[in-house]
Amino acid sequence: MATINIQGSSLGNALQDLLMADDLEPGDGPAYATCKAIFSYHPLGQKIADAPVAMAMSQERRIAVPGSPEERVVDRFKRTWKAMGIDHHIFNTKRLSRVYGIASVAMVADGVTPSEPIEYDRLPTLNLSFNVIDPLNSAGSLVLSQDPNAIDFQKPGAITVNGTAYHPSRTCTVLNEDPIYLDYTRSAFGYVGRSVYQRALFPLKSFINTMQTDDMVSRKAGLLIAFMKMPGSIIDGIMAAVAGVKRALLQQGVTDNVLSMGSEDKVESLNLQNIDGASSAARRNILENIASAVPMPAKLLLQETFAEGFGEGTEDAKYIAQFIDRIRIEMQPLYDYFDPIVMYRAWTKDWYETIQKDFPEEFSGVDFTTAFYRFKNAFTAVWPNLLEEPESEKVKIDEVRLRALISIVQVLIPNLDQANRATVIQTALDNINQNKVLFQSPFVLDYDALKKYEPAEAESDTGSPRPYTIADSDPVRSALDSLSASVARLPDRRTAPKRIAAQ
């Protein structure tokens, strides 16, 4: 049996048995133990399973709850999300689904048997825990129906773990790729998705051979070849001893030492020049084959740096961004499962009482259930784009938006009554307050006072009343003056990139 030792450290018997087996051929499907060994021991195993998921979750979702005290509501949701460790549960579930082909997450509550549904109204008072279930623990319950006329044809349903059945509302099952009719997945014990290692099993084995080559080269790189005159047949013993002394001195010689040798003696290092090109090309080809089989962008597997960042919009960056967007789509069922649970745990009655006290005009007459469902129905969570715009482009876009907003206000206000003028001003300032780059502190006006304010009519030089202008309203004029001053402070569009570069 072949063995692998790198500087005396074994890679592990499981990896040796599974990946160095001579009978492993292209097209062989991995079993459950094979996938576990690859993930646990293979140098690329964890990276293949984790890297895309980690990149997809590297940014936080942009959460919004319109029609609510948004900052308070969103902050409460995010704090509860982190306190419950939801990101870890989502990451672990998606990771295991990539390793084996399928994985589930189950909600466990003290005092409630797994087969019973949990009333979501009770979630704030229950002691909850989330367990991530791999296919060995749920074996037999997620085989999936192969009857094309069945309503559950190739659809995961309720799971059973060690003989304990879970109510469908308590679990969420994620597949890696869609099932193929009558294609049994050995790693997942059912007709389900397939492991991310399935198509890459043979090149993953070949990668171990490149590690053996690297180990051999590192050990042979310091080998010295001594060309010495061979001793004659008469004095073999004496000359052999002298040659042995020379080799010993050569081996012990270091910097600043002087070593004398015969005129016909010569010392060279082992020439490994031809190995470098062949081994490097083979290693790169194997990595590209693995990336194609996984599949994932080869740049992620090769650990190559980008010549330009994501913000420059290069083709490689666009391809990787599309790949990560697809991973996020595959993870969406997990977020849909956890979002309502976190809402019920975060937006409680006691917390809502503080909202009523702080915002009496909006929520003093609104009961908790009505407010909760208002928040829940207005809840949105959007992933930010990986291809972020450079700062120079953001400055240009903000400038255009701000000037357009001011123009809209100046056109509408002269033709509106005082109540609608206040509404227009409030809408404009709400849009401006969302720009945290230009305006760190939000604009706040007394909109009720603005609605009741009646500007004084001024006499014109001709004696006839002149039309109402925007300058007649002190609150309106004050708001527009602030907007105009902010626009004036914006950098010129032609010089903005230069100023940012200088900073």
Protein backbone atom coordinates (compact mmCIF):
# COMPACT_ATOMS: atom_id res chain seq x y z
CA MET A 1 0.00 0.00 0.00
CA ALA A 2 1.26 3.48 -0.83
CA THR A 3 2.02 5.83 2.03
CA ILE A 4 2.53 9.56 2.23
CA ASN A 5 4.82 11.26 4.70
CA ILE A 6 5.63 14.95 4.50
CA GLN A 7 8.58 15.77 6.76
CA GLY A 8 7.61 12.90 9.02
CA SER A 9 3.95 13.92 9.37
CA SER A 10 1.39 11.48 7.99
CA LEU A 11 -1.64 12.87 6.16
CA GLY A 12 -3.85 10.37 7.92
CA ASN A 13 -4.73 6.75 7.24
CA ALA A 14 -8.20 7.62 5.96
CA LEU A 15 -6.83 9.85 3.23
CA GLN A 16 -4.18 7.31 2.28
CA ASP A 17 -6.67 4.46 2.06
CA LEU A 18 -9.22 6.39 0.03
CA LEU A 19 -7.18 8.58 -2.29
CA MET A 20 -4.03 6.53 -2.83
CA ALA A 21 -5.89 3.34 -3.72
CA ASP A 22 -4.75 2.02 -7.10
CA ASP A 23 -8.24 0.85 -8.04
CA LEU A 24 -9.77 4.34 -7.77
CA GLU A 25 -10.80 5.27 -11.33
CA PRO A 26 -12.38 8.33 -12.97
CA GLY A 27 -16.15 8.31 -12.49
CA ASP A 28 -16.13 6.52 -9.13
CA GLY A 29 -18.71 8.01 -6.76
CA PRO A 30 -17.67 8.91 -3.22
CA ALA A 31 -19.31 7.24 -0.26
CA TYR A 32 -20.18 9.00 3.00
CA ALA A 33 -16.84 8.04 4.58
CA THR A 34 -14.95 9.21 1.49
CA CYS A 35 -16.53 12.66 1.61
CA LYS A 36 -15.81 12.95 5.32
CA ALA A 37 -12.18 11.97 4.80
CA ILE A 38 -11.73 14.46 1.95
CA PHE A 39 -13.25 17.28 3.97
CA SER A 40 -11.26 16.42 7.10
CA TYR A 41 -7.86 15.53 5.64
CA HIS A 42 -7.46 16.63 2.02
CA PRO A 43 -5.69 20.01 1.69
CA LEU A 44 -8.41 21.25 -0.67
CA GLY A 45 -11.37 19.53 0.97
CA GLN A 46 -12.45 22.29 3.33
CA LYS A 47 -11.68 25.05 0.86
CA ILE A 48 -13.89 23.52 -1.82
CA ALA A 49 -16.80 23.19 0.59
CA ASP A 50 -16.39 26.40 2.60
CA ALA A 51 -14.84 29.07 0.37
CA PRO A 52 -17.90 29.86 -1.81
CA VAL A 53 -20.22 29.94 1.21
CA ALA A 54 -17.83 32.12 3.20
CA MET A 55 -17.54 34.57 0.31
CA ALA A 56 -21.32 34.66 -0.13
CA MET A 57 -21.78 35.48 3.57
CA SER A 58 -18.88 37.94 3.74
CA GLN A 59 -21.34 40.83 3.42
CA GLU A 60 -24.36 41.50 5.59
CA ARG A 61 -27.78 41.71 4.03
CA ARG A 62 -29.27 45.19 3.77
CA ILE A 63 -32.39 44.98 5.93
CA ALA A 64 -35.20 47.50 5.73
CA VAL A 65 -38.59 47.76 7.42
CA PRO A 66 -40.44 50.72 5.84
CA GLY A 67 -43.26 52.31 7.80
CA SER A 68 -41.64 51.65 11.16
CA PRO A 69 -39.08 53.21 13.49
CA GLU A 70 -36.64 51.56 11.11
CA GLU A 71 -33.42 52.10 12.98
CA ARG A 72 -34.81 50.61 16.20
CA VAL A 73 -36.60 47.73 14.49
CA VAL A 74 -33.69 46.70 12.28
CA ASP A 75 -31.17 47.03 15.10
CA ARG A 76 -33.29 44.79 17.34
CA PHE A 77 -33.51 42.17 14.57
CA LYS A 78 -29.76 42.19 13.91
CA ARG A 79 -28.88 41.92 17.60
CA THR A 80 -31.17 38.92 18.05
CA TRP A 81 -29.83 37.33 14.87
CA LYS A 82 -26.26 37.52 16.18
CA ALA A 83 -27.19 36.43 19.69
CA MET A 84 -28.81 33.25 18.32
CA GLY A 85 -25.79 32.47 16.13
CA ILE A 86 -27.91 32.15 13.00
CA ASP A 87 -25.04 32.86 10.61
CA HIS A 88 -23.13 29.87 11.97
CA HIS A 89 -26.12 27.54 11.60
CA ILE A 90 -26.70 28.66 8.00
CA PHE A 91 -23.03 28.32 7.15
CA ASN A 92 -22.75 24.85 8.68
CA THR A 93 -25.92 23.58 6.98
CA LYS A 94 -24.88 24.81 3.55
CA ARG A 95 -21.35 23.46 4.07
CA LEU A 96 -22.57 19.95 4.94
CA SER A 97 -24.95 19.94 2.00
CA ARG A 98 -21.97 20.60 -0.27
CA VAL A 99 -19.89 17.90 1.41
CA TYR A 100 -22.51 15.10 1.33
CA GLY A 101 -25.19 16.34 -1.10
CA ILE A 102 -27.88 17.05 1.49
CA ALA A 103 -28.15 18.44 5.04
CA SER A 104 -30.88 19.66 7.38
CA VAL A 105 -31.24 22.05 10.28
CA ALA A 106 -33.78 21.32 13.03
CA MET A 107 -35.23 23.55 15.74
CA VAL A 108 -35.23 21.93 19.19
CA ALA A 109 -37.16 23.42 22.12
CA ASP A 110 -37.28 22.39 25.76
CA GLY A 111 -40.67 21.00 26.70
CA VAL A 112 -41.87 20.49 23.12
CA THR A 113 -41.38 17.11 21.45
CA PRO A 114 -39.82 17.26 17.95
CA SER A 115 -42.92 15.76 16.31
CA GLU A 116 -45.12 18.67 17.48
CA PRO A 117 -45.26 22.02 15.70
CA ILE A 118 -44.22 25.07 17.68
CA GLU A 119 -46.55 28.03 17.93
CA TYR A 120 -44.44 30.99 16.87
CA ASP A 121 -46.11 33.20 19.49
CA ARG A 122 -44.35 31.07 22.12
CA LEU A 123 -40.88 31.46 20.63
CA PRO A 124 -39.83 34.37 22.89
CA THR A 125 -40.40 32.25 26.00
CA LEU A 126 -38.91 28.94 24.82
CA ASN A 127 -35.35 27.73 25.24
CA LEU A 128 -34.38 27.08 21.62
CA SER A 129 -31.49 25.31 19.98
CA PHE A 130 -30.70 24.53 16.34
CA ASN A 131 -29.06 21.25 15.35
CA VAL A 132 -27.48 20.69 11.95
CA ILE A 133 -28.20 17.14 10.76
CA ASP A 134 -25.97 15.34 8.25
CA PRO A 135 -27.33 12.51 6.03
CA LEU A 136 -25.98 9.72 8.25
CA ASN A 137 -28.21 10.91 11.13
CA SER A 138 -31.25 11.32 8.87
CA ALA A 139 -30.59 8.21 6.75
CA GLY A 140 -33.77 6.53 5.56
CA SER A 141 -36.01 9.57 5.91
CA LEU A 142 -34.63 11.60 3.01
CA VAL A 143 -34.42 8.96 0.30
CA LEU A 144 -36.96 11.00 -1.75
CA SER A 145 -39.84 9.59 -3.75
CA GLN A 146 -39.11 8.36 -7.28
CA ASP A 147 -42.78 8.15 -8.31
CA PRO A 148 -43.26 10.78 -11.05
CA ASN A 149 -47.00 10.96 -10.24
CA ALA A 150 -46.50 11.62 -6.53
CA ILE A 151 -46.93 15.11 -5.12
CA ASP A 152 -43.64 14.77 -3.23
CA PHE A 153 -41.70 13.53 -6.28
CA GLN A 154 -38.00 14.22 -5.55
CA LYS A 155 -38.93 16.74 -2.85
CA PRO A 156 -37.50 16.53 0.69
CA GLY A 157 -40.04 16.41 3.48
CA ALA A 158 -40.03 15.60 7.18
CA ILE A 159 -36.91 14.02 8.62
CA THR A 160 -36.36 11.32 11.23
CA VAL A 161 -33.23 11.41 13.37
CA ASN A 162 -32.31 8.24 15.27
CA GLY A 163 -35.93 7.14 15.26
CA THR A 164 -37.31 10.53 16.34
CA ALA A 165 -39.60 12.18 13.81
CA TYR A 166 -39.54 15.97 13.37
CA HIS A 167 -42.52 18.06 12.34
CA PRO A 168 -41.96 19.59 8.87
CA SER A 169 -42.27 23.13 10.29
CA ARG A 170 -39.33 22.46 12.62
CA THR A 171 -36.76 21.65 9.90
CA CYS A 172 -35.25 22.99 6.70
CA THR A 173 -33.46 20.68 4.25
CA VAL A 174 -30.94 21.91 1.68
CA LEU A 175 -29.71 19.93 -1.34
CA ASN A 176 -26.53 20.52 -3.28
CA GLU A 177 -27.76 20.43 -6.89
CA ASP A 178 -31.10 18.96 -7.88
CA PRO A 179 -31.86 15.23 -7.71
CA ILE A 180 -31.51 13.12 -10.86
CA TYR A 181 -34.13 10.47 -11.48
CA LEU A 182 -32.94 7.07 -10.22
CA ASP A 183 -29.45 8.42 -9.53
CA TYR A 184 -28.59 7.15 -6.06
CA THR A 185 -26.15 9.28 -4.07
CA ARG A 186 -23.98 7.05 -1.90
CA SER A 187 -22.73 9.90 0.28
CA ALA A 188 -26.29 11.01 1.16
CA PHE A 189 -28.05 7.60 1.29
CA GLY A 190 -30.81 8.61 -1.10
CA TYR A 191 -31.90 9.84 -4.51
CA VAL A 192 -30.99 13.38 -3.61
CA GLY A 193 -28.37 15.97 -4.55
CA ARG A 194 -24.73 15.04 -4.88
CA SER A 195 -21.50 15.84 -3.11
CA VAL A 196 -19.35 18.64 -4.46
CA TYR A 197 -16.50 16.11 -4.53
CA GLN A 198 -18.29 13.59 -6.75
CA ARG A 199 -16.97 14.76 -10.13
CA ALA A 200 -13.60 15.79 -8.70
CA LEU A 201 -12.73 12.54 -6.93
CA PHE A 202 -10.02 11.40 -9.35
CA PRO A 203 -8.22 14.78 -9.71
CA LEU A 204 -8.35 15.12 -5.92
CA LYS A 205 -6.40 11.86 -5.78
CA SER A 206 -3.95 13.18 -8.41
CA PHE A 207 -3.33 16.27 -6.29
CA ILE A 208 -1.84 14.04 -3.59
CA ASN A 209 0.74 12.86 -6.12
CA THR A 210 1.83 16.47 -6.66
CA MET A 211 2.33 16.76 -2.91
CA GLN A 212 4.57 13.72 -3.02
CA THR A 213 6.57 15.39 -5.79
CA ASP A 214 6.93 18.57 -3.76
CA ASP A 215 8.08 16.53 -0.78
CA MET A 216 10.68 14.71 -2.87
CA VAL A 217 11.97 17.93 -4.45
CA SER A 218 12.27 19.65 -1.08
CA ARG A 219 14.33 16.73 0.26
CA LYS A 220 16.52 16.41 -2.84
CA ALA A 221 17.11 20.12 -3.42
CA GLY A 222 19.97 20.21 -0.91
CA LEU A 223 21.69 17.12 -2.28
CA LEU A 224 25.32 17.69 -3.40
CA ILE A 225 26.97 15.58 -6.10
CA ALA A 226 30.76 15.20 -5.59
CA PHE A 227 32.81 14.20 -8.64
CA MET A 228 36.01 12.58 -7.26
CA LYS A 229 38.78 10.54 -8.88
CA MET A 230 38.15 6.87 -8.30
CA PRO A 231 40.89 5.10 -6.24
CA GLY A 232 43.23 2.61 -7.88
CA SER A 233 42.98 -1.12 -7.29
CA ILE A 234 46.16 -1.31 -5.16
CA ILE A 235 45.30 1.22 -2.47
CA ASP A 236 41.52 0.91 -2.47
CA GLY A 237 41.26 1.00 1.33
CA ILE A 238 43.34 4.13 1.83
CA MET A 239 41.75 6.07 -1.05
CA ALA A 240 38.26 5.09 0.03
CA ALA A 241 38.98 6.43 3.51
CA VAL A 242 40.31 9.69 2.04
CA ALA A 243 37.22 10.01 -0.14
CA GLY A 244 35.08 9.44 2.92
CA VAL A 245 36.90 12.20 4.80
CA LYS A 246 36.38 14.55 1.86
CA ARG A 247 32.65 13.82 1.77
CA ALA A 248 32.37 14.36 5.51
CA LEU A 249 34.17 17.69 5.30
CA LEU A 250 31.98 18.72 2.38
CA GLN A 251 28.86 17.83 4.32
CA GLN A 252 29.97 19.78 7.41
CA GLY A 253 31.29 22.82 5.53
CA VAL A 254 29.30 26.03 6.00
CA THR A 255 29.69 29.72 5.21
CA ASP A 256 33.13 31.20 6.01
CA ASN A 257 34.78 27.74 5.96
CA VAL A 258 37.56 26.83 3.50
CA LEU A 259 37.50 23.39 1.89
CA SER A 260 40.41 22.13 -0.19
CA MET A 261 39.78 19.64 -2.99
CA GLY A 262 41.81 18.02 -5.71
CA SER A 263 42.21 19.64 -9.10
CA GLU A 264 40.17 16.86 -10.67
CA ASP A 265 37.41 16.96 -8.01
CA LYS A 266 34.16 18.84 -8.65
CA VAL A 267 31.00 19.47 -6.58
CA GLU A 268 27.58 20.35 -7.98
CA SER A 269 24.04 20.45 -6.65
CA LEU A 270 21.42 18.10 -8.04
CA ASN A 271 19.92 19.57 -11.23
CA LEU A 272 16.15 19.76 -10.75
CA GLN A 273 15.54 22.35 -13.46
CA ASN A 274 13.55 20.04 -15.71
CA ILE A 275 11.34 18.90 -12.86
CA ASP A 276 10.16 22.43 -12.08
CA GLY A 277 8.39 23.06 -15.38
CA ALA A 278 6.71 19.67 -15.61
CA SER A 279 5.59 19.53 -11.96
CA SER A 280 4.28 23.11 -11.96
CA ALA A 281 2.30 22.56 -15.15
CA ALA A 282 0.88 19.26 -13.87
CA ARG A 283 -0.11 20.81 -10.54
CA ARG A 284 -1.85 23.74 -12.19
CA ASN A 285 -3.70 21.47 -14.63
CA ILE A 286 -4.87 19.26 -11.77
CA LEU A 287 -6.15 22.28 -9.84
CA GLU A 288 -7.98 23.54 -12.91
CA ASN A 289 -9.51 20.09 -13.41
CA ILE A 290 -10.69 20.10 -9.80
CA ALA A 291 -12.15 23.59 -10.21
CA SER A 292 -13.99 22.51 -13.36
CA ALA A 293 -15.35 19.40 -11.67
CA VAL A 294 -16.49 21.07 -8.43
CA PRO A 295 -17.50 23.50 -10.12
CA MET A 296 -16.08 26.80 -8.93
CA PRO A 297 -13.92 29.56 -10.47
CA ALA A 298 -10.34 28.33 -10.78
CA LYS A 299 -9.10 31.65 -9.41
CA LEU A 300 -10.60 30.82 -6.02
CA LEU A 301 -8.90 27.43 -5.95
CA LEU A 302 -5.54 28.63 -7.29
CA GLN A 303 -5.44 31.51 -4.76
CA GLU A 304 -4.40 33.93 -7.47
CA THR A 305 -4.68 37.63 -6.75
CA PHE A 306 -6.75 39.93 -8.92
CA ALA A 307 -4.84 42.37 -11.09
CA GLU A 308 -7.70 44.74 -10.26
CA GLY A 309 -10.24 44.69 -7.48
CA PHE A 310 -13.92 43.79 -7.61
CA GLY A 311 -14.79 47.44 -8.07
CA GLU A 312 -13.00 47.62 -11.43
CA GLY A 313 -15.47 45.21 -12.99
CA THR A 314 -13.01 42.89 -14.71
CA GLU A 315 -14.33 39.80 -16.44
CA ASP A 316 -12.86 37.48 -13.79
CA ALA A 317 -14.49 39.55 -11.05
CA LYS A 318 -17.83 39.51 -12.87
CA TYR A 319 -17.71 35.74 -13.27
CA ILE A 320 -16.92 35.21 -9.60
CA ALA A 321 -19.66 37.66 -8.59
CA GLN A 322 -22.17 35.69 -10.70
CA PHE A 323 -21.00 32.46 -9.06
CA ILE A 324 -21.44 33.93 -5.56
CA ASP A 325 -24.88 35.30 -6.48
CA ARG A 326 -25.91 31.77 -7.42
CA ILE A 327 -24.68 30.46 -4.06
CA ARG A 328 -26.78 33.13 -2.33
CA ILE A 329 -29.86 32.01 -4.26
CA GLU A 330 -29.26 28.43 -3.13
CA MET A 331 -28.99 29.63 0.48
CA GLN A 332 -32.22 31.65 0.38
CA PRO A 333 -34.44 28.82 1.79
CA LEU A 334 -32.32 28.85 4.94
CA TYR A 335 -32.80 32.61 5.37
CA ASP A 336 -36.53 32.24 4.70
CA TYR A 337 -36.62 29.62 7.46
CA PHE A 338 -34.72 31.65 10.05
CA ASP A 339 -36.08 35.17 9.37
CA PRO A 340 -39.56 34.62 10.91
CA ILE A 341 -38.05 32.82 13.91
CA VAL A 342 -35.75 35.77 14.64
CA MET A 343 -38.63 38.23 14.14
CA TYR A 344 -40.73 36.52 16.80
CA ARG A 345 -37.75 36.35 19.15
CA ALA A 346 -36.76 39.99 18.57
CA TRP A 347 -40.00 41.96 18.30
CA THR A 348 -41.64 41.05 21.60
CA LYS A 349 -44.49 42.72 23.47
CA ASP A 350 -42.18 44.16 26.12
CA TRP A 351 -39.95 45.66 23.46
CA TYR A 352 -42.95 47.05 21.58
CA GLU A 353 -44.06 48.92 24.69
CA THR A 354 -40.85 50.94 24.51
CA ILE A 355 -41.65 51.75 20.87
CA GLN A 356 -45.09 53.00 21.89
CA LYS A 357 -43.56 55.22 24.56
CA ASP A 358 -40.93 56.66 22.24
CA PHE A 359 -43.28 57.10 19.25
CA PRO A 360 -46.70 57.78 20.82
CA GLU A 361 -48.17 59.64 17.86
CA GLU A 362 -47.61 56.71 15.48
CA PHE A 363 -48.12 53.65 17.68
CA SER A 364 -50.07 54.65 20.81
CA GLY A 365 -53.31 53.30 19.32
CA VAL A 366 -51.79 50.34 17.47
CA ASP A 367 -51.88 46.99 19.24
CA PHE A 368 -48.86 44.67 19.28
CA THR A 369 -50.22 42.08 16.82
CA THR A 370 -51.08 44.70 14.21
CA ALA A 371 -47.71 46.40 14.55
CA PHE A 372 -45.83 43.09 14.44
CA TYR A 373 -47.43 41.97 11.20
CA ARG A 374 -46.94 45.45 9.77
CA PHE A 375 -43.21 45.13 10.48
CA LYS A 376 -43.10 41.53 9.26
CA ASN A 377 -44.86 42.24 5.98
CA ALA A 378 -42.68 45.28 5.29
CA PHE A 379 -39.45 43.39 6.06
CA THR A 380 -36.99 43.19 3.17
CA ALA A 381 -33.44 41.82 3.07
CA VAL A 382 -31.27 42.33 -0.01
CA TRP A 383 -27.71 41.18 -0.62
CA PRO A 384 -25.28 43.96 -1.56
CA ASN A 385 -23.51 43.69 -4.88
CA LEU A 386 -20.00 42.24 -4.74
CA LEU A 387 -18.98 44.56 -7.57
CA GLU A 388 -18.90 47.78 -5.58
CA GLU A 389 -18.47 51.05 -7.41
CA PRO A 390 -15.29 53.08 -6.85
CA GLU A 391 -15.53 56.14 -4.61
CA SER A 392 -15.17 58.48 -7.59
CA GLU A 393 -18.29 57.01 -9.21
CA LYS A 394 -20.23 57.15 -5.94
CA VAL A 395 -19.50 60.87 -5.64
CA LYS A 396 -20.82 61.50 -9.16
CA ILE A 397 -23.98 59.49 -8.55
CA ASP A 398 -24.69 61.22 -5.22
CA GLU A 399 -24.21 64.60 -6.83
CA VAL A 400 -26.63 63.83 -9.67
CA ARG A 401 -29.25 62.45 -7.27
CA LEU A 402 -29.01 65.44 -4.96
CA ARG A 403 -29.32 68.00 -7.75
CA ALA A 404 -32.29 66.10 -9.22
CA LEU A 405 -33.98 66.02 -5.83
CA ILE A 406 -33.57 69.76 -5.33
CA SER A 407 -34.94 70.44 -8.80
CA ILE A 408 -38.03 68.34 -8.09
CA VAL A 409 -38.68 70.21 -4.84
CA GLN A 410 -38.27 73.62 -6.49
CA VAL A 411 -40.71 72.68 -9.27
CA LEU A 412 -43.40 71.17 -7.08
CA ILE A 413 -43.56 73.47 -4.07
CA PRO A 414 -44.87 76.67 -5.75
CA ASN A 415 -47.91 74.76 -7.05
CA LEU A 416 -48.88 72.97 -3.82
CA ASP A 417 -50.78 73.88 -0.69
CA GLN A 418 -48.93 74.09 2.61
CA ALA A 419 -49.74 70.52 3.72
CA ASN A 420 -48.43 69.02 0.50
CA ARG A 421 -45.38 71.27 0.60
CA ALA A 422 -44.51 69.81 3.99
CA THR A 423 -44.97 66.29 2.57
CA VAL A 424 -42.64 67.04 -0.34
CA ILE A 425 -40.01 68.47 2.01
CA GLN A 426 -40.31 65.45 4.31
CA THR A 427 -39.92 63.03 1.40
CA ALA A 428 -36.89 64.91 0.10
CA LEU A 429 -35.18 64.94 3.49
CA ASP A 430 -35.94 61.25 4.02
CA ASN A 431 -34.09 60.49 0.78
CA ILE A 432 -31.22 62.77 1.74
CA ASN A 433 -30.91 61.26 5.21
CA GLN A 434 -30.22 57.87 3.61
CA ASN A 435 -26.94 59.23 2.24
CA LYS A 436 -24.59 58.61 5.15
CA VAL A 437 -21.52 59.48 3.11
CA LEU A 438 -22.31 63.15 2.52
CA PHE A 439 -24.53 63.80 5.55
CA GLN A 440 -23.47 62.22 8.82
CA SER A 441 -26.26 63.89 10.82
CA PRO A 442 -29.87 63.64 9.58
CA PHE A 443 -32.02 66.67 8.76
CA VAL A 444 -34.91 67.00 11.23
CA LEU A 445 -37.80 69.46 10.82
CA ASP A 446 -41.06 69.97 12.67
CA TYR A 447 -43.35 68.86 9.88
CA ASP A 448 -46.54 69.49 11.85
CA ALA A 449 -45.51 73.11 12.33
CA LEU A 450 -44.57 73.31 8.67
CA LYS A 451 -48.04 72.13 7.64
CA LYS A 452 -49.70 74.82 9.78
CA TYR A 453 -47.36 77.63 8.74
CA GLU A 454 -48.99 80.32 6.60
CA PRO A 455 -46.52 82.64 4.81
CA ALA A 456 -47.29 86.36 4.86
CA GLU A 457 -48.49 87.87 1.58
CA ALA A 458 -46.15 90.60 0.35
CA GLU A 459 -47.19 93.64 -1.74
CA SER A 460 -45.48 94.05 -5.11
CA ASP A 461 -44.35 97.40 -6.55
CA THR A 462 -47.38 97.53 -8.88
CA GLY A 463 -49.76 97.22 -5.97
CA SER A 464 -51.08 93.80 -7.01
CA PRO A 465 -50.29 90.73 -4.90
CA ARG A 466 -47.33 88.82 -6.30
CA PRO A 467 -47.45 85.03 -6.65
CA TYR A 468 -46.22 82.87 -3.81
CA THR A 469 -42.58 81.89 -4.12
CA ILE A 470 -40.42 79.44 -2.28
CA ALA A 471 -38.66 82.33 -0.51
CA ASP A 472 -41.91 83.20 1.30
CA SER A 473 -41.70 80.09 3.54
CA ASP A 474 -39.02 80.30 6.18
CA PRO A 475 -38.92 76.55 6.96
CA VAL A 476 -38.92 75.67 3.26
CA ARG A 477 -36.28 78.27 2.45
CA SER A 478 -34.14 77.05 5.35
CA ALA A 479 -34.30 73.46 4.15
CA LEU A 480 -33.46 74.37 0.55
CA ASP A 481 -30.64 76.66 1.67
CA SER A 482 -29.14 73.72 3.56
CA LEU A 483 -29.49 71.52 0.50
CA SER A 484 -27.91 74.11 -1.78
CA ALA A 485 -25.02 74.61 0.63
CA SER A 486 -24.44 70.87 0.73
CA VAL A 487 -24.40 70.67 -3.06
CA ALA A 488 -21.94 73.53 -3.22
CA ARG A 489 -19.57 71.57 -0.98
CA LEU A 490 -19.62 68.59 -3.32
CA PRO A 491 -16.38 68.11 -5.32
CA ASP A 492 -16.47 69.05 -8.95
CA ARG A 493 -17.31 66.06 -11.14
CA ARG A 494 -14.19 66.48 -13.25
CA THR A 495 -11.81 66.76 -10.30
CA ALA A 496 -13.45 64.34 -7.82
CA PRO A 497 -11.29 61.32 -8.74
CA LYS A 498 -8.13 63.41 -8.47
CA ARG A 499 -9.09 64.75 -5.04
CA ILE A 500 -9.93 61.32 -3.73
CA ALA A 501 -6.64 59.96 -5.06
CA ALA A 502 -4.75 62.80 -3.38
CA GLN A 503 -6.44 62.05 -0.07
